[in-house]
Amino acid sequence: MAAEFGAAIQSIVGIAGLVAITWALSEQRRHVSWRVVVAGLLLQFLIAALLLKFPLSQTLFLGLNRVVAAVQSATIAGTSFVFGYVGGGRSPFSITDPAAGFVLAFQALPLVLLMSALSALLYHWRILPLVVKGFSRLLERSLGLGGAVGVSSAANAFVGMVEAPLLIRPYMATMSRGELFVVMTGGMATIAGTMMVLYATFLTGVIADPVGHLLTASLISVPAAVMVAKIMVPDDTRTGGGEAPTAYGSSMDAVVRGTTDGVALLINIIAMLIVLVALVALVNSLLGLFPDLFGAPVTLQRLFGWVMAPIVWLMGIPASEMVAAGALMGTKTVLNELLAYVDLAHLPAGVLSERSRVIMTYGLCGFANFGSLGIMIAGLSAMAPSRRDDIVALGGRSIVSGTLASCLTGAVVGVLL
């Protein structure tokens, strides 16, 4: 009991520390609205408590895990039909090492295609816009957002950093600089629903109810992103919103276009993984020319482990585990969260405690990395060419703000665990 209390106090101190860091990075510290800070923190704790502590939420999570299992099975049915045993079908020969029979590109990643089609279908049936609209109303009333930014921020809990702003494209050109930063931070602090299910497959067996935790992480990170953005770039402007436009002509059109969009996403993921893993291996080979440090080779992961260790400590990670956890956060920031989750899933037993694994699941749940920044700048600039200079200027800060928001989410959960 004493250890749990001490861990919760550490996370509370961490929340104060993360808010202080955010305030120190503010463009106009005197204009920071502390009402927004208090409202943002209260909203994070409220959402976290509702989703983590109530029995009804546990029932919801169990249902979500069954849905994930069904989607996985459906995806394997498609991949095994198209790719045969390479896609998860019956092998024509005996496999001595089952782990070697798993092919990421043909068995796990195609899940993105099905999720992209399902997301488009839910959008066309007006189910997703209805959920987004309800959540946006909560953000508008509690955090003082305009309707347009509220819709985009709420949508970030379910769709990607480019898809969410598409819902408010007509308003992008007239938004204030602060509102634009809220939109960008929301995209960096959350993950898309298409990726959520994929990451849950990697975390199965690592933590309990992975899809429930990832969904909770995205929902908590929405008010965290708004709060962090409003501290770093204070702004009281409220640009109006409206109904989400109808994007598809029919259910079949939604499935076809959703699948087509998923293909582009899938190819991008595979290409980025190949290049990023290769670059890390190349850098580690160069670092291998240096002598061992503290009895182990110098690697990129170890270097970022030291740099990010104080940040993960603020989330509530014990001092004895913060270097290993910091390496995961460094991988997520420099490369991407997918590789970080893969590394988390393959950590040897005992490196991170169960509590630390859950906290890191929340802390890693965001798109804040350099690869995503390129995607965001390209997407938002295409939507609002007149705002390209502002988008580029705020790009680097959005990685910082998105990372801080995700870390705040980890710290909030660390208090409640």
Protein backbone atom coordinates (compact mmCIF):
# COMPACT_ATOMS: atom_id res chain seq x y z
CA MET A 1 0.00 0.00 0.00
CA ALA A 2 2.80 2.42 0.93
CA ALA A 3 4.58 1.64 -2.36
CA GLU A 4 1.40 2.32 -4.36
CA PHE A 5 0.86 5.60 -2.50
CA GLY A 6 4.46 6.64 -3.17
CA ALA A 7 4.10 5.81 -6.87
CA ALA A 8 0.91 7.90 -7.08
CA ILE A 9 2.66 10.84 -5.37
CA GLN A 10 5.49 10.57 -7.91
CA SER A 11 2.98 10.84 -10.76
CA ILE A 12 1.29 13.83 -9.10
CA VAL A 13 4.67 15.54 -8.80
CA GLY A 14 5.27 14.58 -12.43
CA ILE A 15 2.04 16.26 -13.55
CA ALA A 16 3.15 19.47 -11.84
CA GLY A 17 6.57 19.14 -13.44
CA LEU A 18 5.17 18.56 -16.94
CA VAL A 19 2.81 21.54 -16.61
CA ALA A 20 5.76 23.65 -15.42
CA ILE A 21 7.83 22.59 -18.45
CA THR A 22 4.91 23.46 -20.73
CA TRP A 23 4.51 26.86 -19.07
CA ALA A 24 8.26 27.53 -19.43
CA LEU A 25 7.92 26.88 -23.20
CA SER A 26 4.96 29.26 -23.52
CA GLU A 27 5.23 32.14 -25.98
CA GLN A 28 3.32 34.42 -23.62
CA ARG A 29 3.48 33.19 -20.03
CA ARG A 30 1.48 36.13 -18.67
CA HIS A 31 -1.47 35.28 -20.89
CA VAL A 32 -1.76 31.61 -19.88
CA SER A 33 -5.29 30.84 -18.67
CA TRP A 34 -5.02 28.81 -15.47
CA ARG A 35 -8.74 28.10 -15.72
CA VAL A 36 -7.97 26.11 -18.88
CA VAL A 37 -5.15 24.29 -17.06
CA VAL A 38 -7.41 23.29 -14.17
CA ALA A 39 -10.29 22.36 -16.48
CA GLY A 40 -7.96 20.33 -18.69
CA LEU A 41 -6.52 18.35 -15.79
CA LEU A 42 -9.96 17.75 -14.26
CA LEU A 43 -11.30 16.53 -17.60
CA GLN A 44 -8.36 14.15 -18.01
CA PHE A 45 -8.89 12.68 -14.54
CA LEU A 46 -12.66 12.45 -15.12
CA ILE A 47 -12.29 10.53 -18.39
CA ALA A 48 -9.56 8.29 -16.94
CA ALA A 49 -11.60 7.50 -13.81
CA LEU A 50 -14.74 6.74 -15.81
CA LEU A 51 -12.92 4.40 -18.18
CA LEU A 52 -10.56 2.72 -15.71
CA LYS A 53 -12.46 2.48 -12.44
CA PHE A 54 -16.11 1.78 -13.25
CA PRO A 55 -17.27 -1.85 -13.76
CA LEU A 56 -19.27 -0.82 -16.84
CA SER A 57 -16.04 0.32 -18.45
CA GLN A 58 -14.44 -3.06 -17.86
CA THR A 59 -17.39 -4.69 -19.61
CA LEU A 60 -16.91 -2.25 -22.49
CA PHE A 61 -13.20 -3.11 -22.69
CA LEU A 62 -13.93 -6.84 -22.77
CA GLY A 63 -16.36 -6.21 -25.59
CA LEU A 64 -13.79 -4.14 -27.47
CA ASN A 65 -11.21 -6.91 -27.10
CA ARG A 66 -13.69 -9.36 -28.61
CA VAL A 67 -14.23 -6.95 -31.49
CA VAL A 68 -10.47 -6.72 -32.00
CA ALA A 69 -10.18 -10.50 -32.01
CA ALA A 70 -12.97 -10.71 -34.58
CA VAL A 71 -11.31 -8.06 -36.79
CA GLN A 72 -7.98 -9.88 -36.52
CA SER A 73 -9.57 -13.19 -37.51
CA ALA A 74 -11.35 -11.54 -40.42
CA THR A 75 -8.09 -9.97 -41.60
CA ILE A 76 -6.27 -13.31 -41.41
CA ALA A 77 -9.09 -14.86 -43.49
CA GLY A 78 -8.40 -12.28 -46.19
CA THR A 79 -4.60 -12.43 -46.05
CA SER A 80 -4.48 -16.23 -46.00
CA PHE A 81 -6.77 -16.34 -49.04
CA VAL A 82 -4.58 -13.88 -50.97
CA PHE A 83 -1.11 -14.73 -49.66
CA GLY A 84 -1.55 -18.35 -48.54
CA TYR A 85 0.61 -19.58 -45.67
CA VAL A 86 2.69 -16.37 -45.77
CA GLY A 87 -0.48 -14.49 -44.85
CA GLY A 88 -1.32 -16.79 -41.95
CA GLY A 89 -2.91 -19.69 -43.80
CA ARG A 90 -2.09 -23.39 -43.38
CA SER A 91 1.55 -24.09 -44.10
CA PRO A 92 2.43 -26.80 -46.66
CA PHE A 93 5.41 -27.82 -44.52
CA SER A 94 6.19 -28.15 -40.83
CA ILE A 95 7.45 -25.02 -39.05
CA THR A 96 10.03 -25.69 -36.35
CA ASP A 97 10.02 -22.08 -35.08
CA PRO A 98 6.47 -20.64 -34.93
CA ALA A 99 7.81 -17.12 -34.34
CA ALA A 100 9.66 -17.29 -37.65
CA GLY A 101 6.38 -18.05 -39.41
CA PHE A 102 4.97 -14.62 -38.54
CA VAL A 103 5.40 -12.15 -41.42
CA LEU A 104 4.54 -8.61 -40.32
CA ALA A 105 3.81 -7.17 -43.77
CA PHE A 106 1.43 -9.98 -44.76
CA GLN A 107 -0.28 -10.89 -41.46
CA ALA A 108 -0.47 -7.88 -39.10
CA LEU A 109 -0.15 -4.72 -41.18
CA PRO A 110 -3.02 -5.55 -43.61
CA LEU A 111 -5.28 -4.92 -40.61
CA VAL A 112 -4.91 -1.24 -41.58
CA LEU A 113 -6.85 -1.93 -44.80
CA LEU A 114 -9.86 -3.39 -43.02
CA MET A 115 -9.87 -0.69 -40.34
CA SER A 116 -9.67 2.05 -42.98
CA ALA A 117 -12.69 0.59 -44.80
CA LEU A 118 -14.65 0.17 -41.55
CA SER A 119 -13.85 3.74 -40.48
CA ALA A 120 -15.13 5.09 -43.80
CA LEU A 121 -18.28 3.01 -43.45
CA LEU A 122 -18.93 4.24 -39.90
CA TYR A 123 -18.42 7.79 -41.13
CA HIS A 124 -20.88 7.32 -44.00
CA TRP A 125 -23.48 5.83 -41.65
CA ARG A 126 -23.11 8.99 -39.48
CA ILE A 127 -22.08 6.95 -36.43
CA LEU A 128 -18.58 8.39 -36.17
CA PRO A 129 -19.67 12.03 -36.75
CA LEU A 130 -22.31 11.64 -34.01
CA VAL A 131 -19.71 10.47 -31.47
CA VAL A 132 -17.31 13.22 -32.51
CA LYS A 133 -20.01 15.89 -32.21
CA GLY A 134 -20.89 14.84 -28.66
CA PHE A 135 -17.25 14.86 -27.54
CA SER A 136 -16.62 18.22 -29.23
CA ARG A 137 -19.47 19.82 -27.27
CA LEU A 138 -17.77 18.73 -24.03
CA LEU A 139 -14.47 20.29 -25.14
CA GLU A 140 -16.10 23.53 -26.26
CA ARG A 141 -17.86 24.08 -22.92
CA SER A 142 -15.04 22.98 -20.62
CA LEU A 143 -11.95 24.33 -22.42
CA GLY A 144 -13.37 27.30 -24.32
CA LEU A 145 -12.76 26.00 -27.82
CA GLY A 146 -14.51 27.26 -30.93
CA GLY A 147 -16.76 24.79 -32.72
CA ALA A 148 -14.31 24.07 -35.55
CA VAL A 149 -11.36 23.31 -33.27
CA GLY A 150 -13.63 21.29 -30.97
CA VAL A 151 -14.72 19.04 -33.83
CA SER A 152 -11.15 18.51 -35.05
CA SER A 153 -9.83 17.81 -31.54
CA ALA A 154 -12.60 15.33 -30.78
CA ALA A 155 -12.13 13.57 -34.11
CA ASN A 156 -8.43 13.05 -33.32
CA ALA A 157 -9.42 10.41 -30.78
CA PHE A 158 -10.75 8.26 -33.63
CA VAL A 159 -9.06 9.32 -36.89
CA GLY A 160 -5.62 10.52 -37.96
CA MET A 161 -3.82 13.85 -37.89
CA VAL A 162 -4.81 14.66 -41.49
CA GLU A 163 -8.30 13.09 -41.53
CA ALA A 164 -9.52 15.07 -38.49
CA PRO A 165 -8.77 18.54 -39.94
CA LEU A 166 -10.53 17.49 -43.15
CA LEU A 167 -13.79 17.72 -41.17
CA ILE A 168 -13.20 21.46 -40.71
CA ARG A 169 -11.34 22.24 -43.93
CA PRO A 170 -13.46 25.33 -44.79
CA TYR A 171 -12.37 26.97 -41.52
CA MET A 172 -8.62 26.26 -41.74
CA ALA A 173 -7.75 29.43 -43.66
CA THR A 174 -9.42 31.77 -41.14
CA MET A 175 -8.32 30.11 -37.90
CA SER A 176 -6.09 32.04 -35.52
CA ARG A 177 -2.51 30.91 -35.00
CA GLY A 178 -3.38 29.52 -31.57
CA GLU A 179 -6.33 27.54 -32.91
CA LEU A 180 -4.15 26.11 -35.66
CA PHE A 181 -1.66 24.99 -33.00
CA VAL A 182 -4.43 23.23 -31.06
CA VAL A 183 -5.36 21.32 -34.23
CA MET A 184 -1.73 20.32 -34.83
CA THR A 185 -1.08 19.33 -31.22
CA GLY A 186 -4.22 17.18 -31.18
CA GLY A 187 -2.94 15.29 -34.20
CA MET A 188 0.45 14.70 -32.58
CA ALA A 189 -0.90 13.65 -29.16
CA THR A 190 -3.28 10.90 -30.35
CA ILE A 191 -3.34 7.94 -32.73
CA ALA A 192 -5.84 6.99 -35.43
CA GLY A 193 -8.37 4.23 -34.90
CA THR A 194 -6.86 2.40 -37.88
CA MET A 195 -3.59 2.11 -35.94
CA MET A 196 -5.16 1.49 -32.53
CA VAL A 197 -6.26 -2.03 -33.36
CA LEU A 198 -2.88 -2.81 -34.93
CA TYR A 199 -0.98 -1.70 -31.84
CA ALA A 200 -3.35 -3.71 -29.66
CA THR A 201 -2.28 -6.87 -31.50
CA PHE A 202 1.35 -6.20 -30.55
CA LEU A 203 0.44 -5.56 -26.90
CA THR A 204 -1.70 -8.67 -26.46
CA GLY A 205 -0.11 -10.58 -23.60
CA VAL A 206 1.99 -7.58 -22.58
CA ILE A 207 -0.82 -5.74 -20.76
CA ALA A 208 -4.42 -6.68 -20.03
CA ASP A 209 -7.14 -5.26 -22.32
CA PRO A 210 -4.72 -3.44 -24.68
CA VAL A 211 -7.36 -1.97 -26.99
CA GLY A 212 -9.25 -0.55 -24.01
CA HIS A 213 -6.10 1.11 -22.71
CA LEU A 214 -5.23 2.53 -26.14
CA LEU A 215 -8.73 3.93 -26.62
CA THR A 216 -8.61 5.44 -23.13
CA ALA A 217 -5.19 6.93 -23.91
CA SER A 218 -6.46 8.67 -27.04
CA LEU A 219 -9.52 10.04 -25.23
CA ILE A 220 -7.51 11.36 -22.27
CA SER A 221 -4.92 12.89 -24.60
CA VAL A 222 -7.51 15.06 -26.34
CA PRO A 223 -8.06 17.47 -23.39
CA ALA A 224 -4.34 17.13 -22.56
CA ALA A 225 -3.44 18.30 -26.08
CA VAL A 226 -5.84 21.25 -25.89
CA MET A 227 -4.48 22.29 -22.50
CA VAL A 228 -0.81 22.02 -23.55
CA ALA A 229 -1.43 23.88 -26.82
CA LYS A 230 -3.27 26.71 -25.05
CA ILE A 231 -0.41 27.05 -22.56
CA MET A 232 2.32 27.11 -25.21
CA VAL A 233 0.41 29.40 -27.60
CA PRO A 234 -2.26 31.26 -25.56
CA ASP A 235 -5.30 32.27 -27.64
CA ASP A 236 -8.97 32.94 -26.86
CA THR A 237 -10.25 33.01 -30.46
CA ARG A 238 -13.28 30.84 -31.22
CA THR A 239 -13.83 29.98 -34.86
CA GLY A 240 -17.29 28.51 -35.52
CA GLY A 241 -17.95 24.95 -36.61
CA GLY A 242 -20.66 23.06 -38.44
CA GLU A 243 -21.89 19.69 -39.52
CA ALA A 244 -19.36 17.26 -40.96
CA PRO A 245 -19.72 17.08 -44.75
CA THR A 246 -20.95 13.93 -46.45
CA ALA A 247 -17.88 12.33 -48.01
CA TYR A 248 -19.27 9.18 -49.66
CA GLY A 249 -22.06 8.51 -52.14
CA SER A 250 -23.03 5.09 -50.78
CA SER A 251 -21.91 2.34 -48.41
CA MET A 252 -20.06 0.59 -51.20
CA ASP A 253 -18.37 3.85 -52.17
CA ALA A 254 -17.24 4.24 -48.55
CA VAL A 255 -15.78 0.70 -48.50
CA VAL A 256 -13.99 1.16 -51.84
CA ARG A 257 -12.57 4.59 -51.07
CA GLY A 258 -11.72 3.63 -47.50
CA THR A 259 -9.79 0.62 -48.78
CA THR A 260 -8.00 2.75 -51.37
CA ASP A 261 -6.96 5.22 -48.68
CA GLY A 262 -5.82 2.29 -46.55
CA VAL A 263 -3.56 1.04 -49.34
CA ALA A 264 -1.66 4.32 -49.39
CA LEU A 265 -1.35 4.20 -45.59
CA LEU A 266 -0.20 0.57 -45.64
CA ILE A 267 2.49 1.21 -48.26
CA ASN A 268 3.68 4.26 -46.33
CA ILE A 269 3.91 2.25 -43.09
CA ILE A 270 5.87 -0.58 -44.71
CA ALA A 271 8.25 1.83 -46.46
CA MET A 272 8.85 3.88 -43.31
CA LEU A 273 9.47 0.75 -41.22
CA ILE A 274 12.03 -0.58 -43.69
CA VAL A 275 13.90 2.73 -43.86
CA LEU A 276 13.71 3.60 -40.16
CA VAL A 277 14.80 0.17 -38.93
CA ALA A 278 17.65 0.25 -41.45
CA LEU A 279 18.72 3.73 -40.33
CA VAL A 280 18.72 2.69 -36.68
CA ALA A 281 20.82 -0.36 -37.52
CA LEU A 282 23.22 1.84 -39.50
CA VAL A 283 23.56 4.37 -36.68
CA ASN A 284 24.06 1.57 -34.13
CA SER A 285 26.79 0.11 -36.35
CA LEU A 286 28.59 3.45 -36.34
CA LEU A 287 28.13 3.82 -32.58
CA GLY A 288 29.58 0.32 -32.22
CA LEU A 289 32.96 1.78 -33.20
CA PHE A 290 33.07 3.49 -29.80
CA PRO A 291 34.18 1.55 -26.72
CA ASP A 292 31.55 0.02 -24.45
CA LEU A 293 29.99 2.36 -21.92
CA PHE A 294 29.12 1.03 -18.46
CA GLY A 295 29.70 -2.53 -19.62
CA ALA A 296 27.43 -2.44 -22.70
CA PRO A 297 27.71 -1.24 -26.34
CA VAL A 298 26.60 2.31 -27.13
CA THR A 299 23.34 2.29 -29.13
CA LEU A 300 20.84 4.90 -30.24
CA GLN A 301 18.27 3.40 -27.89
CA ARG A 302 20.60 3.73 -24.89
CA LEU A 303 21.45 7.35 -25.76
CA PHE A 304 17.81 8.36 -25.96
CA GLY A 305 17.13 6.31 -22.86
CA TRP A 306 19.36 8.67 -20.90
CA VAL A 307 17.91 11.80 -22.52
CA MET A 308 14.26 10.82 -21.99
CA ALA A 309 14.75 9.13 -18.60
CA PRO A 310 13.79 12.26 -16.55
CA ILE A 311 10.63 12.70 -18.66
CA VAL A 312 9.41 9.13 -18.09
CA TRP A 313 10.22 9.49 -14.38
CA LEU A 314 7.74 12.38 -14.33
CA MET A 315 5.10 9.98 -15.68
CA GLY A 316 5.64 7.72 -12.67
CA ILE A 317 8.27 5.23 -13.87
CA PRO A 318 10.58 4.09 -11.01
CA ALA A 319 14.18 5.33 -11.14
CA SER A 320 15.44 1.76 -11.63
CA GLU A 321 13.39 1.42 -14.83
CA MET A 322 13.51 4.92 -16.28
CA VAL A 323 16.46 4.34 -18.66
CA ALA A 324 14.74 1.35 -20.31
CA ALA A 325 11.45 3.27 -20.47
CA GLY A 326 13.24 6.37 -21.75
CA ALA A 327 14.67 4.33 -24.63
CA LEU A 328 11.10 3.47 -25.67
CA MET A 329 10.11 7.14 -25.59
CA GLY A 330 13.20 8.05 -27.59
CA THR A 331 12.38 5.43 -30.22
CA LYS A 332 8.85 6.79 -30.45
CA THR A 333 9.98 10.41 -30.84
CA VAL A 334 12.80 9.90 -33.36
CA LEU A 335 11.29 6.97 -35.27
CA ASN A 336 7.63 6.19 -34.55
CA GLU A 337 5.29 4.74 -31.96
CA LEU A 338 4.83 1.46 -33.86
CA LEU A 339 8.49 0.54 -33.40
CA ALA A 340 8.31 1.67 -29.78
CA TYR A 341 5.34 -0.64 -29.13
CA VAL A 342 7.17 -3.51 -30.86
CA ASP A 343 10.16 -2.87 -28.57
CA LEU A 344 7.84 -2.75 -25.53
CA ALA A 345 6.30 -6.07 -26.52
CA HIS A 346 9.74 -7.69 -26.81
CA LEU A 347 11.33 -6.36 -23.62
CA PRO A 348 12.72 -9.20 -21.48
CA ALA A 349 10.68 -10.09 -18.42
CA GLY A 350 11.49 -7.99 -15.40
CA VAL A 351 12.85 -4.95 -17.26
CA LEU A 352 9.60 -3.05 -16.67
CA SER A 353 7.02 -3.79 -13.98
CA GLU A 354 3.37 -4.33 -14.91
CA ARG A 355 2.53 -0.80 -13.76
CA SER A 356 5.34 0.69 -15.83
CA ARG A 357 4.24 -1.23 -18.94
CA VAL A 358 0.74 0.23 -18.61
CA ILE A 359 2.05 3.78 -18.08
CA MET A 360 4.33 3.49 -21.11
CA THR A 361 1.41 2.20 -23.20
CA TYR A 362 -0.28 5.54 -22.50
CA GLY A 363 2.86 7.65 -22.85
CA LEU A 364 3.71 6.16 -26.25
CA CYS A 365 0.18 6.59 -27.61
CA GLY A 366 0.70 9.51 -29.98
CA PHE A 367 1.98 10.46 -33.43
CA ALA A 368 4.56 13.00 -32.16
CA ASN A 369 7.62 12.15 -34.26
CA PHE A 370 9.55 13.63 -37.18
CA GLY A 371 8.03 11.34 -39.80
CA SER A 372 4.52 12.31 -38.76
CA LEU A 373 5.50 15.98 -38.86
CA GLY A 374 6.22 15.68 -42.58
CA ILE A 375 2.85 14.05 -43.17
CA MET A 376 1.05 16.73 -41.16
CA ILE A 377 2.74 19.68 -42.84
CA ALA A 378 2.02 18.26 -46.29
CA GLY A 379 -1.63 17.48 -45.44
CA LEU A 380 -2.51 20.74 -43.68
CA SER A 381 -0.68 22.85 -46.27
CA ALA A 382 -2.75 21.22 -49.01
CA MET A 383 -5.96 22.06 -47.11
CA ALA A 384 -4.98 25.67 -46.37
CA PRO A 385 -2.18 26.85 -48.69
CA SER A 386 -2.43 30.40 -47.34
CA ARG A 387 -1.45 29.15 -43.85
CA ARG A 388 1.59 27.13 -44.93
CA ASP A 389 4.09 29.49 -43.26
CA ASP A 390 2.25 29.24 -39.91
CA ILE A 391 1.97 25.46 -40.21
CA VAL A 392 5.69 25.06 -40.91
CA ALA A 393 6.64 27.50 -38.14
CA LEU A 394 4.53 25.62 -35.58
CA GLY A 395 5.63 22.17 -36.76
CA GLY A 396 8.61 21.65 -34.45
CA ARG A 397 6.67 22.97 -31.45
CA SER A 398 3.83 20.54 -32.22
CA ILE A 399 6.17 17.56 -31.70
CA VAL A 400 7.11 18.96 -28.29
CA SER A 401 3.50 19.77 -27.35
CA GLY A 402 2.23 16.38 -28.56
CA THR A 403 4.92 14.58 -26.55
CA LEU A 404 4.14 16.58 -23.41
CA ALA A 405 0.41 15.86 -23.80
CA SER A 406 1.04 12.10 -24.12
CA CYS A 407 3.33 12.19 -21.09
CA LEU A 408 0.64 14.01 -19.10
CA THR A 409 -1.76 11.22 -20.03
CA GLY A 410 0.74 8.67 -18.74
CA ALA A 411 1.15 10.61 -15.49
CA VAL A 412 -2.62 10.92 -14.96
CA VAL A 413 -3.02 7.16 -15.38
CA GLY A 414 -0.03 6.64 -13.06
CA VAL A 415 -1.97 8.41 -10.29
CA LEU A 416 -5.00 6.13 -10.74
CA LEU A 417 -3.25 2.78 -11.12
